[in-house]
Amino acid sequence: MKTIFISNLAILLWSASLFSCTSTHKINTADIPANTVVMADTKFIPSTITISKGMTVTWKNLEDRTHNAVADDKSWKTDDMGIGESKSVTFDKPGTYSYHCTHHTMMGFGMTGTVIVE
């Protein structure tokens, strides 16, 4: 019983930390280069990006915490990125690709995004 309580408490605290971040970055979406997703304030900006088949999306981490981007269906992923680092993925097939940061998502809540390839 004690183990279950501690496990549940740990999950509750971790979940709360996903949403307790205050905005520290002043991101103007007009300043984000085309086909780029910025990681700031524990979210992907923009959360949905639409590109043409064969194009590349670049993720850039502006936070002092590690982030990544991993397709929900595991079809692609970036490596972990520290502050100022970028990683790119080229999309050759049309479709809708939902993704998340493995460090800041739990049960579908947290850092999530979508790439739409036309």
N, C-alpha and C. Protein backbone atom coordinates (compact mmCIF):
# COMPACT_ATOMS: atom_id res chain seq x y z
N MET A 1 0.82 -1.20 0.00
CA MET A 1 0.00 0.00 0.00
C MET A 1 0.86 1.26 0.00
N LYS A 2 1.93 1.25 0.81
CA LYS A 2 2.82 2.40 0.88
C LYS A 2 3.50 2.65 -0.47
N THR A 3 3.88 1.57 -1.16
CA THR A 3 4.54 1.70 -2.47
C THR A 3 3.60 2.33 -3.49
N ILE A 4 2.33 1.91 -3.48
CA ILE A 4 1.35 2.48 -4.41
C ILE A 4 1.17 3.96 -4.14
N PHE A 5 1.09 4.36 -2.88
CA PHE A 5 0.92 5.76 -2.52
C PHE A 5 2.11 6.58 -3.03
N ILE A 6 3.32 6.10 -2.80
CA ILE A 6 4.52 6.82 -3.22
C ILE A 6 4.57 6.92 -4.74
N SER A 7 4.22 5.83 -5.44
CA SER A 7 4.20 5.86 -6.91
C SER A 7 3.18 6.87 -7.41
N ASN A 8 1.99 6.85 -6.84
CA ASN A 8 0.95 7.79 -7.25
C ASN A 8 1.35 9.24 -6.95
N LEU A 9 1.99 9.46 -5.82
CA LEU A 9 2.45 10.80 -5.47
C LEU A 9 3.51 11.27 -6.46
N ALA A 10 4.42 10.41 -6.82
CA ALA A 10 5.47 10.77 -7.79
C ALA A 10 4.86 11.13 -9.14
N ILE A 11 3.88 10.35 -9.58
CA ILE A 11 3.21 10.64 -10.86
C ILE A 11 2.48 11.97 -10.78
N LEU A 12 1.79 12.22 -9.69
CA LEU A 12 1.06 13.47 -9.51
C LEU A 12 2.01 14.67 -9.54
N LEU A 13 3.12 14.59 -8.83
CA LEU A 13 4.08 15.70 -8.82
C LEU A 13 4.70 15.91 -10.19
N TRP A 14 5.03 14.83 -10.88
CA TRP A 14 5.61 14.95 -12.23
C TRP A 14 4.60 15.58 -13.17
N SER A 15 3.35 15.14 -13.10
CA SER A 15 2.31 15.71 -13.97
C SER A 15 2.13 17.19 -13.70
N ALA A 16 2.13 17.58 -12.45
CA ALA A 16 1.98 18.99 -12.11
C ALA A 16 3.13 19.81 -12.65
N SER A 17 4.33 19.24 -12.68
CA SER A 17 5.48 19.98 -13.19
C SER A 17 5.36 20.26 -14.68
N LEU A 18 4.61 19.45 -15.40
CA LEU A 18 4.41 19.69 -16.84
C LEU A 18 3.67 21.00 -17.08
N PHE A 19 2.79 21.35 -16.18
CA PHE A 19 1.91 22.49 -16.40
C PHE A 19 2.22 23.69 -15.51
N SER A 20 3.24 23.59 -14.67
CA SER A 20 3.52 24.66 -13.73
C SER A 20 4.55 25.66 -14.24
N CYS A 21 5.02 25.47 -15.45
CA CYS A 21 6.04 26.36 -16.00
C CYS A 21 5.41 27.71 -16.32
N THR A 22 6.09 28.75 -15.94
CA THR A 22 5.63 30.08 -16.32
C THR A 22 6.33 30.50 -17.59
N SER A 23 5.71 31.34 -18.34
CA SER A 23 6.27 31.78 -19.61
C SER A 23 7.46 32.69 -19.36
N THR A 24 8.62 32.29 -19.87
CA THR A 24 9.82 33.10 -19.73
C THR A 24 10.35 33.55 -21.08
N HIS A 25 9.83 33.00 -22.16
CA HIS A 25 10.29 33.33 -23.49
C HIS A 25 9.22 34.16 -24.21
N LYS A 26 9.65 35.26 -24.77
CA LYS A 26 8.75 36.08 -25.57
C LYS A 26 8.94 35.66 -27.02
N ILE A 27 8.12 34.71 -27.49
CA ILE A 27 8.25 34.17 -28.84
C ILE A 27 7.22 34.83 -29.73
N ASN A 28 7.68 35.51 -30.76
CA ASN A 28 6.81 36.05 -31.78
C ASN A 28 6.83 35.04 -32.93
N THR A 29 5.70 34.41 -33.20
CA THR A 29 5.68 33.37 -34.23
C THR A 29 6.11 33.89 -35.59
N ALA A 30 6.00 35.19 -35.83
CA ALA A 30 6.46 35.76 -37.10
C ALA A 30 7.99 35.69 -37.22
N ASP A 31 8.68 35.57 -36.10
CA ASP A 31 10.14 35.50 -36.08
C ASP A 31 10.67 34.08 -36.27
N ILE A 32 9.80 33.08 -36.25
CA ILE A 32 10.24 31.69 -36.41
C ILE A 32 10.42 31.39 -37.89
N PRO A 33 11.61 30.93 -38.29
CA PRO A 33 11.84 30.63 -39.71
C PRO A 33 10.85 29.58 -40.22
N ALA A 34 10.61 29.60 -41.53
CA ALA A 34 9.72 28.62 -42.16
C ALA A 34 10.21 27.21 -41.86
N ASN A 35 9.27 26.30 -41.67
CA ASN A 35 9.55 24.88 -41.42
C ASN A 35 10.35 24.65 -40.14
N THR A 36 10.25 25.57 -39.18
CA THR A 36 10.94 25.42 -37.90
C THR A 36 9.92 25.38 -36.77
N VAL A 37 10.17 24.49 -35.83
CA VAL A 37 9.37 24.40 -34.61
C VAL A 37 10.31 24.72 -33.45
N VAL A 38 9.93 25.70 -32.65
CA VAL A 38 10.73 26.12 -31.51
C VAL A 38 10.22 25.40 -30.26
N MET A 39 11.15 25.01 -29.40
CA MET A 39 10.79 24.42 -28.11
C MET A 39 11.07 25.48 -27.05
N ALA A 40 9.99 25.99 -26.44
CA ALA A 40 10.10 27.02 -25.42
C ALA A 40 8.91 26.92 -24.50
N ASP A 41 9.11 27.25 -23.24
CA ASP A 41 8.03 27.21 -22.24
C ASP A 41 7.38 25.84 -22.18
N THR A 42 8.18 24.79 -22.39
CA THR A 42 7.73 23.40 -22.36
C THR A 42 6.57 23.16 -23.32
N LYS A 43 6.72 23.71 -24.54
CA LYS A 43 5.76 23.44 -25.61
C LYS A 43 6.44 23.59 -26.96
N PHE A 44 5.79 23.06 -27.98
CA PHE A 44 6.25 23.21 -29.36
C PHE A 44 5.53 24.41 -29.97
N ILE A 45 6.29 25.31 -30.59
CA ILE A 45 5.71 26.51 -31.19
C ILE A 45 6.18 26.58 -32.65
N PRO A 46 5.28 26.48 -33.62
CA PRO A 46 3.85 26.22 -33.50
C PRO A 46 3.60 24.75 -33.17
N SER A 47 2.44 24.47 -32.62
CA SER A 47 2.12 23.09 -32.25
C SER A 47 1.74 22.25 -33.47
N THR A 48 1.29 22.90 -34.53
CA THR A 48 0.99 22.21 -35.79
C THR A 48 1.69 22.94 -36.91
N ILE A 49 2.37 22.18 -37.77
CA ILE A 49 3.07 22.75 -38.91
C ILE A 49 2.68 21.96 -40.15
N THR A 50 2.42 22.66 -41.26
CA THR A 50 2.05 22.02 -42.52
C THR A 50 3.15 22.27 -43.54
N ILE A 51 3.60 21.17 -44.17
CA ILE A 51 4.67 21.26 -45.17
C ILE A 51 4.28 20.43 -46.39
N SER A 52 5.06 20.58 -47.45
CA SER A 52 4.88 19.76 -48.64
C SER A 52 5.76 18.52 -48.55
N LYS A 53 5.34 17.46 -49.23
CA LYS A 53 6.11 16.22 -49.28
C LYS A 53 7.55 16.51 -49.72
N GLY A 54 8.51 15.88 -49.04
CA GLY A 54 9.92 16.05 -49.36
C GLY A 54 10.61 17.18 -48.61
N MET A 55 9.85 17.94 -47.83
CA MET A 55 10.43 19.06 -47.09
C MET A 55 10.95 18.60 -45.73
N THR A 56 11.76 19.44 -45.13
CA THR A 56 12.38 19.15 -43.84
C THR A 56 11.81 20.08 -42.78
N VAL A 57 11.58 19.53 -41.57
CA VAL A 57 11.19 20.33 -40.41
C VAL A 57 12.38 20.33 -39.45
N THR A 58 12.69 21.50 -38.91
CA THR A 58 13.77 21.64 -37.95
C THR A 58 13.18 22.03 -36.60
N TRP A 59 13.60 21.32 -35.55
CA TRP A 59 13.21 21.65 -34.18
C TRP A 59 14.39 22.34 -33.52
N LYS A 60 14.15 23.47 -32.85
CA LYS A 60 15.21 24.22 -32.17
C LYS A 60 14.82 24.41 -30.71
N ASN A 61 15.71 24.00 -29.82
CA ASN A 61 15.45 24.09 -28.39
C ASN A 61 15.96 25.42 -27.85
N LEU A 62 15.05 26.24 -27.31
CA LEU A 62 15.42 27.52 -26.72
C LEU A 62 15.44 27.48 -25.19
N GLU A 63 15.23 26.30 -24.62
CA GLU A 63 15.17 26.18 -23.17
C GLU A 63 16.44 25.55 -22.61
N ASP A 64 16.63 25.73 -21.31
CA ASP A 64 17.78 25.14 -20.65
C ASP A 64 17.47 23.74 -20.09
N ARG A 65 16.50 23.09 -20.69
CA ARG A 65 16.18 21.70 -20.37
C ARG A 65 16.20 20.88 -21.65
N THR A 66 16.47 19.61 -21.53
CA THR A 66 16.58 18.72 -22.69
C THR A 66 15.20 18.44 -23.27
N HIS A 67 15.12 18.49 -24.61
CA HIS A 67 13.90 18.15 -25.33
C HIS A 67 14.25 17.26 -26.52
N ASN A 68 13.24 16.61 -27.07
CA ASN A 68 13.35 15.87 -28.32
C ASN A 68 11.99 15.89 -28.99
N ALA A 69 11.90 15.31 -30.17
CA ALA A 69 10.62 15.15 -30.87
C ALA A 69 10.58 13.72 -31.39
N VAL A 70 9.55 12.98 -31.00
CA VAL A 70 9.43 11.57 -31.36
C VAL A 70 8.01 11.32 -31.87
N ALA A 71 7.91 10.72 -33.07
CA ALA A 71 6.60 10.40 -33.63
C ALA A 71 5.87 9.43 -32.71
N ASP A 72 4.58 9.67 -32.52
CA ASP A 72 3.78 8.78 -31.68
C ASP A 72 3.82 7.35 -32.20
N ASP A 73 3.91 7.20 -33.53
CA ASP A 73 3.95 5.84 -34.10
C ASP A 73 5.40 5.33 -34.24
N LYS A 74 6.36 6.08 -33.71
CA LYS A 74 7.79 5.70 -33.70
C LYS A 74 8.41 5.66 -35.10
N SER A 75 7.79 6.31 -36.10
CA SER A 75 8.32 6.28 -37.46
C SER A 75 9.52 7.19 -37.66
N TRP A 76 9.73 8.15 -36.76
CA TRP A 76 10.89 9.05 -36.81
C TRP A 76 11.12 9.63 -35.43
N LYS A 77 12.32 10.16 -35.23
CA LYS A 77 12.63 10.83 -33.97
C LYS A 77 13.87 11.70 -34.14
N THR A 78 13.99 12.68 -33.27
CA THR A 78 15.22 13.46 -33.19
C THR A 78 15.99 12.93 -31.99
N ASP A 79 17.26 13.25 -31.94
CA ASP A 79 18.02 13.00 -30.72
C ASP A 79 17.65 14.06 -29.70
N ASP A 80 18.09 13.86 -28.47
CA ASP A 80 17.90 14.88 -27.45
C ASP A 80 18.65 16.14 -27.84
N MET A 81 18.08 17.29 -27.48
CA MET A 81 18.68 18.58 -27.78
C MET A 81 18.81 19.40 -26.51
N GLY A 82 19.98 19.97 -26.30
CA GLY A 82 20.20 20.93 -25.22
C GLY A 82 19.88 22.33 -25.71
N ILE A 83 20.09 23.31 -24.87
CA ILE A 83 19.77 24.69 -25.22
C ILE A 83 20.54 25.13 -26.47
N GLY A 84 19.81 25.72 -27.41
CA GLY A 84 20.40 26.22 -28.64
C GLY A 84 20.61 25.19 -29.73
N GLU A 85 20.39 23.91 -29.43
CA GLU A 85 20.61 22.86 -30.43
C GLU A 85 19.40 22.68 -31.32
N SER A 86 19.65 22.19 -32.55
CA SER A 86 18.59 21.92 -33.52
C SER A 86 18.77 20.53 -34.10
N LYS A 87 17.67 19.93 -34.49
CA LYS A 87 17.65 18.65 -35.20
C LYS A 87 16.58 18.74 -36.27
N SER A 88 16.79 18.02 -37.37
CA SER A 88 15.86 18.08 -38.50
C SER A 88 15.41 16.70 -38.94
N VAL A 89 14.20 16.64 -39.51
CA VAL A 89 13.64 15.42 -40.08
C VAL A 89 13.02 15.78 -41.42
N THR A 90 13.31 14.95 -42.44
CA THR A 90 12.71 15.13 -43.77
C THR A 90 11.53 14.19 -43.91
N PHE A 91 10.41 14.70 -44.43
CA PHE A 91 9.18 13.93 -44.56
C PHE A 91 8.91 13.66 -46.03
N ASP A 92 9.04 12.39 -46.43
CA ASP A 92 8.88 11.99 -47.83
C ASP A 92 7.49 11.46 -48.17
N LYS A 93 6.67 11.20 -47.16
CA LYS A 93 5.34 10.64 -47.40
C LYS A 93 4.27 11.57 -46.84
N PRO A 94 3.21 11.81 -47.63
CA PRO A 94 2.09 12.61 -47.11
C PRO A 94 1.45 11.93 -45.91
N GLY A 95 0.91 12.72 -45.03
CA GLY A 95 0.23 12.18 -43.86
C GLY A 95 0.24 13.17 -42.72
N THR A 96 -0.37 12.75 -41.63
CA THR A 96 -0.40 13.54 -40.40
C THR A 96 0.41 12.80 -39.36
N TYR A 97 1.43 13.45 -38.84
CA TYR A 97 2.36 12.84 -37.90
C TYR A 97 2.26 13.54 -36.55
N SER A 98 1.63 12.87 -35.60
CA SER A 98 1.58 13.39 -34.23
C SER A 98 2.89 13.02 -33.55
N TYR A 99 3.38 13.93 -32.69
CA TYR A 99 4.65 13.67 -32.02
C TYR A 99 4.64 14.26 -30.61
N HIS A 100 5.67 13.94 -29.85
CA HIS A 100 5.77 14.41 -28.47
C HIS A 100 7.23 14.47 -28.05
N CYS A 101 7.48 15.11 -26.93
CA CYS A 101 8.78 15.11 -26.28
C CYS A 101 8.73 14.02 -25.22
N THR A 102 9.64 13.05 -25.30
CA THR A 102 9.60 11.94 -24.35
C THR A 102 9.91 12.38 -22.92
N HIS A 103 10.55 13.52 -22.77
CA HIS A 103 10.90 14.00 -21.43
C HIS A 103 9.76 14.77 -20.76
N HIS A 104 8.82 15.27 -21.55
CA HIS A 104 7.79 16.16 -21.00
C HIS A 104 6.38 15.83 -21.48
N THR A 105 6.11 14.56 -21.66
CA THR A 105 4.77 14.12 -22.04
C THR A 105 4.45 12.85 -21.26
N MET A 106 3.23 12.78 -20.76
CA MET A 106 2.79 11.58 -20.06
C MET A 106 1.33 11.35 -20.38
N MET A 107 1.02 10.18 -20.87
CA MET A 107 -0.35 9.79 -21.19
C MET A 107 -1.04 10.81 -22.10
N GLY A 108 -0.30 11.33 -23.08
CA GLY A 108 -0.87 12.25 -24.05
C GLY A 108 -0.93 13.70 -23.62
N PHE A 109 -0.46 14.03 -22.42
CA PHE A 109 -0.47 15.41 -21.92
C PHE A 109 0.95 15.93 -21.83
N GLY A 110 1.13 17.21 -22.13
CA GLY A 110 2.44 17.82 -22.07
C GLY A 110 2.84 18.37 -23.41
N MET A 111 4.09 18.13 -23.79
CA MET A 111 4.62 18.65 -25.06
C MET A 111 4.22 17.74 -26.20
N THR A 112 3.26 18.18 -26.99
CA THR A 112 2.81 17.42 -28.15
C THR A 112 2.68 18.34 -29.35
N GLY A 113 2.78 17.76 -30.54
CA GLY A 113 2.66 18.55 -31.76
C GLY A 113 2.25 17.68 -32.93
N THR A 114 2.06 18.32 -34.07
CA THR A 114 1.63 17.62 -35.28
C THR A 114 2.35 18.21 -36.49
N VAL A 115 2.84 17.31 -37.36
CA VAL A 115 3.37 17.70 -38.67
C VAL A 115 2.38 17.17 -39.70
N ILE A 116 1.86 18.05 -40.55
CA ILE A 116 0.97 17.66 -41.63
C ILE A 116 1.77 17.77 -42.92
N VAL A 117 1.88 16.65 -43.64
CA VAL A 117 2.63 16.62 -44.90
C VAL A 117 1.63 16.45 -46.03
N GLU A 118 1.61 17.42 -46.95
CA GLU A 118 0.65 17.39 -48.06
C GLU A 118 1.31 16.89 -49.33
